[in-house]
C-alpha atoms as a PDB file:
ATOM      1  CA  MET A   1      -2.453  38.666 -27.204  1.00  0.00           C
ATOM      2  CA  THR A   2      -3.679  35.370 -25.771  1.00  0.00           C
ATOM      3  CA  GLU A   3      -2.084  34.249 -22.541  1.00  0.00           C
ATOM      4  CA  THR A   4      -1.088  30.611 -22.171  1.00  0.00           C
ATOM      5  CA  ALA A   5      -2.886  28.942 -19.296  1.00  0.00           C
ATOM      6  CA  LYS A   6      -0.565  28.001 -16.468  1.00  0.00           C
ATOM      7  CA  PRO A   7      -0.575  24.338 -15.420  1.00  0.00           C
ATOM      8  CA  ALA A   8      -2.421  23.682 -12.193  1.00  0.00           C
ATOM      9  CA  ALA A   9      -0.224  23.510  -9.129  1.00  0.00           C
ATOM     10  CA  PRO A  10       0.163  20.012  -7.673  1.00  0.00           C
ATOM     11  CA  SER A  11      -2.092  19.243  -4.734  1.00  0.00           C
ATOM     12  CA  VAL A  12      -0.744  19.270  -1.198  1.00  0.00           C
ATOM     13  CA  ALA A  13      -0.935  15.466  -1.187  1.00  0.00           C
ATOM     14  CA  GLN A  14       1.075  15.244  -4.401  1.00  0.00           C
ATOM     15  CA  GLN A  15       3.687  17.620  -3.007  1.00  0.00           C
ATOM     16  CA  MET A  16       4.019  15.471   0.121  1.00  0.00           C
ATOM     17  CA  LEU A  17       4.434  12.328  -1.997  1.00  0.00           C
ATOM     18  CA  ASP A  18       6.958  14.028  -4.305  1.00  0.00           C
ATOM     19  CA  ALA A  19       8.941  14.990  -1.188  1.00  0.00           C
ATOM     20  CA  GLY A  20       9.373  11.302  -0.358  1.00  0.00           C
ATOM     21  CA  ASN A  21       6.598  10.912   2.201  1.00  0.00           C
ATOM     22  CA  ILE A  22       3.960   8.180   2.572  1.00  0.00           C
ATOM     23  CA  LEU A  23       0.267   8.942   2.093  1.00  0.00           C
ATOM     24  CA  PHE A  24      -2.514   7.083   3.908  1.00  0.00           C
ATOM     25  CA  SER A  25      -6.122   7.703   2.862  1.00  0.00           C
ATOM     26  CA  ARG A  26      -9.168   6.101   4.441  1.00  0.00           C
ATOM     27  CA  TYR A  27     -11.517   4.456   1.957  1.00  0.00           C
ATOM     28  CA  ALA A  28     -15.066   3.091   1.877  1.00  0.00           C
ATOM     29  CA  PRO A  29     -17.697   2.778  -0.867  1.00  0.00           C
ATOM     30  CA  PRO A  30     -20.322   5.560  -0.930  1.00  0.00           C
ATOM     31  CA  GLY A  31     -22.622   5.448   2.064  1.00  0.00           C
ATOM     32  CA  LEU A  32     -20.272   3.367   4.229  1.00  0.00           C
ATOM     33  CA  GLU A  33     -17.829   4.470   6.912  1.00  0.00           C
ATOM     34  CA  ALA A  34     -14.114   3.760   6.564  1.00  0.00           C
ATOM     35  CA  PRO A  35     -12.064   2.397   9.483  1.00  0.00           C
ATOM     36  CA  GLY A  36      -9.596   4.687  11.210  1.00  0.00           C
ATOM     37  CA  LEU A  37      -6.030   5.068  10.023  1.00  0.00           C
ATOM     38  CA  PRO A  38      -3.755   2.120  10.905  1.00  0.00           C
ATOM     39  CA  LEU A  39      -1.503   2.399  13.936  1.00  0.00           C
ATOM     40  CA  PRO A  40       1.298   0.244  15.340  1.00  0.00           C
ATOM     41  CA  GLY A  41       0.328  -1.915  18.316  1.00  0.00           C
ATOM     42  CA  THR A  42       3.324  -0.774  20.402  1.00  0.00           C
ATOM     43  CA  PRO A  43       6.009   1.916  20.030  1.00  0.00           C
ATOM     44  CA  MET A  44       8.547  -0.659  18.770  1.00  0.00           C
ATOM     45  CA  ALA A  45       6.163  -2.621  16.508  1.00  0.00           C
ATOM     46  CA  SER A  46       7.406  -3.197  12.943  1.00  0.00           C
ATOM     47  CA  GLY A  47       4.007  -2.909  11.274  1.00  0.00           C
ATOM     48  CA  PHE A  48       0.754  -0.972  11.218  1.00  0.00           C
ATOM     49  CA  ASP A  49      -2.370  -2.917  12.203  1.00  0.00           C
ATOM     50  CA  LEU A  50      -4.842  -3.361   9.339  1.00  0.00           C
ATOM     51  CA  CYS A  51      -8.527  -3.612  10.262  1.00  0.00           C
ATOM     52  CA  THR A  52     -11.382  -5.084   8.273  1.00  0.00           C
ATOM     53  CA  ARG A  53     -14.077  -2.676   7.089  1.00  0.00           C
ATOM     54  CA  ILE A  54     -16.648  -5.516   6.801  1.00  0.00           C
ATOM     55  CA  ASP A  55     -18.027  -8.384   8.886  1.00  0.00           C
ATOM     56  CA  PHE A  56     -17.049 -11.748   7.416  1.00  0.00           C
ATOM     57  CA  THR A  57     -17.018 -15.477   8.143  1.00  0.00           C
ATOM     58  CA  LEU A  58     -14.476 -18.072   7.016  1.00  0.00           C
ATOM     59  CA  SER A  59     -15.244 -21.777   7.184  1.00  0.00           C
ATOM     60  CA  PRO A  60     -12.371 -24.285   7.453  1.00  0.00           C
ATOM     61  CA  GLY A  61     -10.314 -24.355   4.253  1.00  0.00           C
ATOM     62  CA  SER A  62     -12.001 -21.281   2.736  1.00  0.00           C
ATOM     63  CA  ARG A  63     -10.378 -18.005   1.755  1.00  0.00           C
ATOM     64  CA  ARG A  64     -11.493 -14.494   0.819  1.00  0.00           C
ATOM     65  CA  LEU A  65     -10.185 -11.038   0.074  1.00  0.00           C
ATOM     66  CA  VAL A  66     -10.875  -8.832   3.096  1.00  0.00           C
ATOM     67  CA  PRO A  67     -10.921  -5.060   2.404  1.00  0.00           C
ATOM     68  CA  ALA A  68      -9.028  -2.914   4.890  1.00  0.00           C
ATOM     69  CA  GLY A  69     -10.558   0.483   4.096  1.00  0.00           C
ATOM     70  CA  LEU A  70      -7.194   2.039   3.326  1.00  0.00           C
ATOM     71  CA  ARG A  71      -5.373   3.357   0.261  1.00  0.00           C
ATOM     72  CA  ILE A  72      -1.669   4.110   0.256  1.00  0.00           C
ATOM     73  CA  ALA A  73       0.739   6.036  -1.972  1.00  0.00           C
ATOM     74  CA  LEU A  74       4.428   5.255  -1.555  1.00  0.00           C
ATOM     75  CA  PRO A  75       7.472   7.104  -2.883  1.00  0.00           C
ATOM     76  CA  ARG A  76       9.754   5.344  -5.330  1.00  0.00           C
ATOM     77  CA  GLY A  77      11.992   2.782  -3.604  1.00  0.00           C
ATOM     78  CA  LEU A  78       9.464   1.703  -0.952  1.00  0.00           C
ATOM     79  CA  GLU A  79       6.958  -1.151  -0.823  1.00  0.00           C
ATOM     80  CA  ALA A  80       4.327  -2.237   1.697  1.00  0.00           C
ATOM     81  CA  GLN A  81       3.967  -5.847   2.821  1.00  0.00           C
ATOM     82  CA  VAL A  82       0.744  -7.401   4.146  1.00  0.00           C
ATOM     83  CA  ARG A  83       1.690  -9.946   6.806  1.00  0.00           C
ATOM     84  CA  PRO A  84      -0.310 -12.228   9.117  1.00  0.00           C
ATOM     85  CA  ARG A  85      -1.112 -11.534  12.755  1.00  0.00           C
ATOM     86  CA  SER A  86       0.414 -14.166  15.018  1.00  0.00           C
ATOM     87  CA  GLY A  87      -2.565 -14.177  17.409  1.00  0.00           C
ATOM     88  CA  LEU A  88      -5.080 -15.012  14.671  1.00  0.00           C
ATOM     89  CA  ALA A  89      -2.778 -17.692  13.310  1.00  0.00           C
ATOM     90  CA  LEU A  90      -2.268 -19.356  16.694  1.00  0.00           C
ATOM     91  CA  LYS A  91      -5.825 -19.110  18.037  1.00  0.00           C
ATOM     92  CA  HIS A  92      -7.871 -19.623  14.865  1.00  0.00           C
ATOM     93  CA  GLY A  93      -5.551 -20.818  12.082  1.00  0.00           C
ATOM     94  CA  LEU A  94      -6.177 -17.609  10.105  1.00  0.00           C
ATOM     95  CA  THR A  95      -3.286 -16.360   8.001  1.00  0.00           C
ATOM     96  CA  VAL A  96      -2.500 -14.287   4.922  1.00  0.00           C
ATOM     97  CA  LEU A  97      -2.489 -16.746   2.032  1.00  0.00           C
ATOM     98  CA  ASN A  98       0.128 -14.963  -0.113  1.00  0.00           C
ATOM     99  CA  ALA A  99       2.224 -13.708   2.805  1.00  0.00           C
ATOM    100  CA  PRO A 100       3.855 -11.360   2.514  1.00  0.00           C
ATOM    101  CA  GLY A 101       1.462  -9.703   0.082  1.00  0.00           C
ATOM    102  CA  THR A 102       3.297  -7.004  -1.855  1.00  0.00           C
ATOM    103  CA  ILE A 103       1.890  -3.509  -2.406  1.00  0.00           C
ATOM    104  CA  ASP A 104       3.933  -1.709  -5.036  1.00  0.00           C
ATOM    105  CA  ALA A 105       4.553   2.028  -4.998  1.00  0.00           C
ATOM    106  CA  ASP A 106       2.368   2.518  -8.097  1.00  0.00           C
ATOM    107  CA  TYR A 107      -0.732   0.810  -6.636  1.00  0.00           C
ATOM    108  CA  ARG A 108      -3.555   3.204  -5.780  1.00  0.00           C
ATOM    109  CA  GLY A 109      -6.444   0.873  -4.980  1.00  0.00           C
ATOM    110  CA  GLU A 110      -7.836  -0.250  -1.637  1.00  0.00           C
ATOM    111  CA  ILE A 111      -5.542  -2.479   0.391  1.00  0.00           C
ATOM    112  CA  GLY A 112      -6.903  -5.942   1.112  1.00  0.00           C
ATOM    113  CA  ALA A 113      -5.679  -9.092   2.832  1.00  0.00           C
ATOM    114  CA  ILE A 114      -6.247 -12.532   1.308  1.00  0.00           C
ATOM    115  CA  LEU A 115      -7.132 -14.523   4.416  1.00  0.00           C
ATOM    116  CA  ILE A 116      -7.442 -18.323   4.628  1.00  0.00           C
ATOM    117  CA  ASN A 117      -8.772 -20.447   7.457  1.00  0.00           C
ATOM    118  CA  HIS A 118      -6.387 -23.329   8.142  1.00  0.00           C
ATOM    119  CA  GLY A 119      -8.193 -24.130  11.389  1.00  0.00           C
ATOM    120  CA  GLN A 120     -10.876 -26.700  12.145  1.00  0.00           C
ATOM    121  CA  ASP A 121     -13.629 -24.275  13.126  1.00  0.00           C
ATOM    122  CA  THR A 122     -15.608 -21.561  11.334  1.00  0.00           C
ATOM    123  CA  VAL A 123     -14.348 -18.108  12.314  1.00  0.00           C
ATOM    124  CA  SER A 124     -16.447 -14.926  12.330  1.00  0.00           C
ATOM    125  CA  ILE A 125     -14.716 -11.532  12.379  1.00  0.00           C
ATOM    126  CA  LYS A 126     -16.453  -8.228  13.087  1.00  0.00           C
ATOM    127  CA  ARG A 127     -15.883  -4.965  11.271  1.00  0.00           C
ATOM    128  CA  GLY A 128     -12.996  -2.997  12.794  1.00  0.00           C
ATOM    129  CA  ALA A 129     -11.098  -6.054  14.047  1.00  0.00           C
ATOM    130  CA  ARG A 130      -7.375  -6.255  13.329  1.00  0.00           C
ATOM    131  CA  ILE A 131      -6.742  -8.819  10.596  1.00  0.00           C
ATOM    132  CA  ALA A 132      -3.172  -8.262   9.329  1.00  0.00           C
ATOM    133  CA  GLN A 133      -0.063  -6.106   9.599  1.00  0.00           C
ATOM    134  CA  LEU A 134       1.261  -3.593   7.092  1.00  0.00           C
ATOM    135  CA  VAL A 135       5.070  -3.336   7.039  1.00  0.00           C
ATOM    136  CA  ILE A 136       6.855  -0.609   5.045  1.00  0.00           C
ATOM    137  CA  ALA A 137      10.142  -1.762   3.517  1.00  0.00           C
ATOM    138  CA  ARG A 138      12.829  -0.310   1.285  1.00  0.00           C
ATOM    139  CA  VAL A 139      13.324  -2.074  -2.048  1.00  0.00           C
ATOM    140  CA  LEU A 140      15.605  -1.822  -5.079  1.00  0.00           C
ATOM    141  CA  LEU A 141      13.314  -1.700  -8.115  1.00  0.00           C
ATOM    142  CA  PRO A 142      14.076  -4.231 -10.879  1.00  0.00           C
ATOM    143  CA  ILE A 143      13.175  -1.614 -13.505  1.00  0.00           C
ATOM    144  CA  ASP A 144      16.072   0.544 -12.291  1.00  0.00           C
ATOM    145  CA  LEU A 145      18.445  -2.342 -12.957  1.00  0.00           C
ATOM    146  CA  LEU A 146      17.047  -2.674 -16.491  1.00  0.00           C
ATOM    147  CA  MET A 147      16.508   1.026 -17.277  1.00  0.00           C
ATOM    148  CA  PRO A 148      18.709   3.082 -14.933  1.00  0.00           C
ATOM    149  CA  PRO A 149      17.658   6.748 -15.459  1.00  0.00           C
ATOM    150  CA  HIS A 150      16.101   6.840 -11.969  1.00  0.00           C
ATOM    151  CA  PHE A 151      18.720   4.673 -10.264  1.00  0.00           C
ATOM    152  CA  GLY A 152      20.146   7.527  -8.195  1.00  0.00           C
ATOM    153  CA  GLU A 153      16.642   8.617  -7.196  1.00  0.00           C
ATOM    154  CA  THR A 154      15.847   5.137  -5.900  1.00  0.00           C
ATOM    155  CA  LEU A 155      19.146   4.884  -4.041  1.00  0.00           C
ATOM    156  CA  ALA A 156      18.361   8.193  -2.326  1.00  0.00           C
ATOM    157  CA  VAL A 157      15.164   6.646  -0.934  1.00  0.00           C
ATOM    158  CA  LEU A 158      16.844   3.335  -0.128  1.00  0.00           C
ATOM    159  CA  PHE A 159      19.593   4.935   1.878  1.00  0.00           C
ATOM    160  CA  GLY A 160      17.591   7.807   3.230  1.00  0.00           C
ATOM    161  CA  GLY A 161      19.286  10.959   2.006  1.00  0.00           C
ATOM    162  CA  ALA A 162      21.372  11.839   5.071  1.00  0.00           C
ATOM    163  CA  ASP A 163      20.570  14.838   7.229  1.00  0.00           C
ATOM    164  CA  PRO A 164      23.372  17.238   8.336  1.00  0.00           C
ATOM    165  CA  HIS A 165      24.272  14.836  11.166  1.00  0.00           C
ATOM    166  CA  GLY A 166      24.580  11.826   8.844  1.00  0.00           C
ATOM    167  CA  ALA A 167      21.377  10.084   9.990  1.00  0.00           C
ATOM    168  CA  PRO A 168      19.099   8.661   7.290  1.00  0.00           C
ATOM    169  CA  ARG A 169      16.009  10.721   6.496  1.00  0.00           C
ATOM    170  CA  LEU A 170      12.831   8.797   7.203  1.00  0.00           C
ATOM    171  CA  PRO A 171       9.605   9.476   5.299  1.00  0.00           C
ATOM    172  CA  LYS A 172       6.666  10.937   7.197  1.00  0.00           C
ATOM    173  CA  ILE A 173       3.195   9.401   7.315  1.00  0.00           C
ATOM    174  CA  CYS A 174       0.665  11.914   5.994  1.00  0.00           C
ATOM    175  CA  GLU A 175      -3.104  11.577   5.740  1.00  0.00           C
ATOM    176  CA  ALA A 176      -4.691  12.518   2.422  1.00  0.00           C
ATOM    177  CA  THR A 177      -8.394  13.160   1.986  1.00  0.00           C
ATOM    178  CA  PRO A 178     -10.148  10.893  -0.547  1.00  0.00           C
ATOM    179  CA  GLU A 179     -10.435  13.888  -2.892  1.00  0.00           C
ATOM    180  CA  ASP A 180      -6.712  14.709  -2.668  1.00  0.00           C
ATOM    181  CA  PHE A 181      -5.805  11.050  -3.097  1.00  0.00           C
ATOM    182  CA  ASP A 182      -7.955  10.795  -6.238  1.00  0.00           C
ATOM    183  CA  ALA A 183      -6.127  13.868  -7.623  1.00  0.00           C
ATOM    184  CA  LEU A 184      -2.669  12.250  -7.440  1.00  0.00           C
ATOM    185  CA  VAL A 185      -0.786  11.899 -10.710  1.00  0.00           C
ATOM    186  CA  PRO A 186      -2.002   8.614 -12.303  1.00  0.00           C
ATOM    187  CA  THR A 187       0.291   5.582 -12.419  1.00  0.00           C
ATOM    188  CA  LEU A 188       0.452   2.725 -14.917  1.00  0.00           C
ATOM    189  CA  ARG A 189      -1.006   0.290 -12.399  1.00  0.00           C
ATOM    190  CA  GLY A 190      -3.570   2.562 -10.821  1.00  0.00           C
ATOM    191  CA  ALA A 191      -6.113   0.629  -8.764  1.00  0.00           C
ATOM    192  CA  ARG A 192      -5.482  -2.666 -10.586  1.00  0.00           C
ATOM    193  CA  GLY A 193      -4.173  -5.377  -8.283  1.00  0.00           C
ATOM    194  CA  PHE A 194      -4.395  -9.069  -7.389  1.00  0.00           C
ATOM    195  CA  GLY A 195      -3.218 -10.651 -10.629  1.00  0.00           C
ATOM    196  CA  SER A 196      -3.839  -7.642 -12.876  1.00  0.00           C
ATOM    197  CA  THR A 197      -0.446  -8.003 -14.588  1.00  0.00           C
ATOM    198  CA  GLY A 198      -1.317 -11.524 -15.751  1.00  0.00           C
ATOM    199  CA  THR A 199       0.869 -14.617 -15.887  1.00  0.00           C
ATOM    200  CA  GLY A 200       2.734 -14.099 -19.173  1.00  0.00           C
ATOM    201  CA  ALA A 201       6.301 -12.822 -19.451  1.00  0.00           C
ATOM    202  CA  SER A 202       6.771  -9.033 -19.352  1.00  0.00           C
ATOM    203  CA  THR A 203       8.454  -7.058 -22.119  1.00  0.00           C
ATOM    204  CA  TYR A 204      10.017  -3.595 -22.148  1.00  0.00           C
ATOM    205  CA  SER A 205       6.860  -2.260 -23.846  1.00  0.00           C
ATOM    206  CA  ASP A 206       4.926  -3.122 -20.683  1.00  0.00           C
ATOM    207  CA  PHE A 207       6.663  -0.221 -18.943  1.00  0.00           C
ATOM    208  CA  THR A 208       5.844   2.370 -21.603  1.00  0.00           C
ATOM    209  CA  PRO A 209       2.536   4.257 -21.151  1.00  0.00           C
ATOM    210  CA  SER A 210       0.196   3.912 -24.128  1.00  0.00           C
ATOM    211  CA  LYS A 211      -0.609   7.111 -25.996  1.00  0.00           C
END
């Protein structure tokens, strides 16, 4: 009698994500070193500091996508926002062009900041310098308003799922190895970002995985 193979158990990273936690994973192309994990500048800071993993130069009026050496996996009902750093804006005229840049919960690619130089001088930035802030925010997903099977699940994340004392439960930040991150359950978006959904109107079929 042939035994049916049991499905593989989800990875530790997947279990942490399924439990409503946030995964950070350092990233760099083969042969290069990734920056460290982002940290807030002060205990009461709203965002995590994003650092560039490359040296780059921006002349006045020019823009470029600056890779931050970080991948993120968010639970349903959360988004990440890429925002400018006030010091760079004031001193050099550098800002995030599409601020706040939105990172959806189904995005699995490397985080980057689209920087533009609004100043009058050419600016050179060294690898490892802080270039932007990453703010985690709760969000009500439009798809749940259109197709509500997961509406209660999203509300649980939005409002925290109270602990026995009535305080909202906050997600934990967990580090995933590149291998564990690559093993996460695939999403429709995957690593596609920065205009990957096009400019045409969406239809309901856009939210149905192809077979």
